[in-house]
């Protein structure tokens, strides 16, 4: 059975497995923009594309 095809979320994808001692492993996962910020950015891009 191929468990990689099951669609389970991988929280640390693309993050180095070995880090400095005491360093936060999930540092790249933090700081994501909020949903409102994403929607505003998408609306701005759509308005720019229309004309």
C-alpha atoms as a PDB file:
ATOM      1  CA  UNK A   1       0.000   0.000   0.000  1.00  0.00           C
ATOM      2  CA  UNK A   2       1.324   3.417  -0.942  1.00  0.00           C
ATOM      3  CA  UNK A   3       0.604   5.688   2.012  1.00  0.00           C
ATOM      4  CA  UNK A   4       1.948   8.757   0.190  1.00  0.00           C
ATOM      5  CA  UNK A   5      -1.091   8.704  -2.130  1.00  0.00           C
ATOM      6  CA  UNK A   6      -3.650   8.837   0.691  1.00  0.00           C
ATOM      7  CA  UNK A   7      -3.765  12.626   0.798  1.00  0.00           C
ATOM      8  CA  UNK A   8      -2.689  13.090   4.392  1.00  0.00           C
ATOM      9  CA  UNK A   9      -1.313  16.552   5.160  1.00  0.00           C
ATOM     10  CA  UNK A  10       2.441  16.843   5.506  1.00  0.00           C
ATOM     11  CA  UNK A  11       3.064  19.738   7.900  1.00  0.00           C
ATOM     12  CA  UNK A  12       6.825  20.055   7.385  1.00  0.00           C
ATOM     13  CA  UNK A  13       7.087  19.450   3.649  1.00  0.00           C
ATOM     14  CA  UNK A  14      10.206  21.048   2.198  1.00  0.00           C
ATOM     15  CA  UNK A  15      11.679  21.865   5.601  1.00  0.00           C
ATOM     16  CA  UNK A  16      15.161  20.545   6.362  1.00  0.00           C
ATOM     17  CA  UNK A  17      15.053  17.587   8.735  1.00  0.00           C
ATOM     18  CA  UNK A  18      18.225  18.574  10.536  1.00  0.00           C
ATOM     19  CA  UNK A  19      18.460  22.044  12.011  1.00  0.00           C
ATOM     20  CA  UNK A  20      20.591  23.854  14.543  1.00  0.00           C
ATOM     21  CA  UNK A  21      20.035  22.803  18.128  1.00  0.00           C
ATOM     22  CA  UNK A  22      17.094  24.715  19.569  1.00  0.00           C
ATOM     23  CA  UNK A  23      16.001  26.134  16.210  1.00  0.00           C
ATOM     24  CA  UNK A  24      12.295  26.064  15.379  1.00  0.00           C
ATOM     25  CA  UNK A  25      11.648  23.489  12.648  1.00  0.00           C
ATOM     26  CA  UNK A  26       8.325  25.026  11.595  1.00  0.00           C
ATOM     27  CA  UNK A  27       9.732  28.508  10.981  1.00  0.00           C
ATOM     28  CA  UNK A  28       8.875  28.296   7.273  1.00  0.00           C
ATOM     29  CA  UNK A  29       5.284  27.321   8.042  1.00  0.00           C
ATOM     30  CA  UNK A  30       4.553  30.476  10.003  1.00  0.00           C
ATOM     31  CA  UNK A  31       3.690  33.926   8.731  1.00  0.00           C
ATOM     32  CA  UNK A  32       1.095  32.862   6.180  1.00  0.00           C
ATOM     33  CA  UNK A  33      -1.220  35.671   5.082  1.00  0.00           C
ATOM     34  CA  UNK A  34      -4.761  35.635   6.411  1.00  0.00           C
ATOM     35  CA  UNK A  35      -7.718  34.694   4.237  1.00  0.00           C
ATOM     36  CA  UNK A  36      -8.834  38.327   4.070  1.00  0.00           C
ATOM     37  CA  UNK A  37      -5.387  39.353   2.802  1.00  0.00           C
ATOM     38  CA  UNK A  38      -5.466  36.658   0.135  1.00  0.00           C
ATOM     39  CA  UNK A  39      -8.945  37.674  -1.033  1.00  0.00           C
ATOM     40  CA  UNK A  40      -7.925  41.331  -1.220  1.00  0.00           C
ATOM     41  CA  UNK A  41      -4.860  40.417  -3.254  1.00  0.00           C
ATOM     42  CA  UNK A  42      -6.912  38.238  -5.626  1.00  0.00           C
ATOM     43  CA  UNK A  43      -9.522  40.998  -6.118  1.00  0.00           C
ATOM     44  CA  UNK A  44      -6.795  43.533  -6.829  1.00  0.00           C
ATOM     45  CA  UNK A  45      -5.211  41.228  -9.412  1.00  0.00           C
ATOM     46  CA  UNK A  46      -8.603  40.564 -11.053  1.00  0.00           C
ATOM     47  CA  UNK A  47      -9.355  44.299 -11.249  1.00  0.00           C
ATOM     48  CA  UNK A  48      -5.942  44.948 -12.792  1.00  0.00           C
ATOM     49  CA  UNK A  49      -6.516  42.153 -15.332  1.00  0.00           C
ATOM     50  CA  UNK A  50      -9.928  43.528 -16.381  1.00  0.00           C
ATOM     51  CA  UNK A  51      -8.582  46.861 -17.353  1.00  0.00           C
END
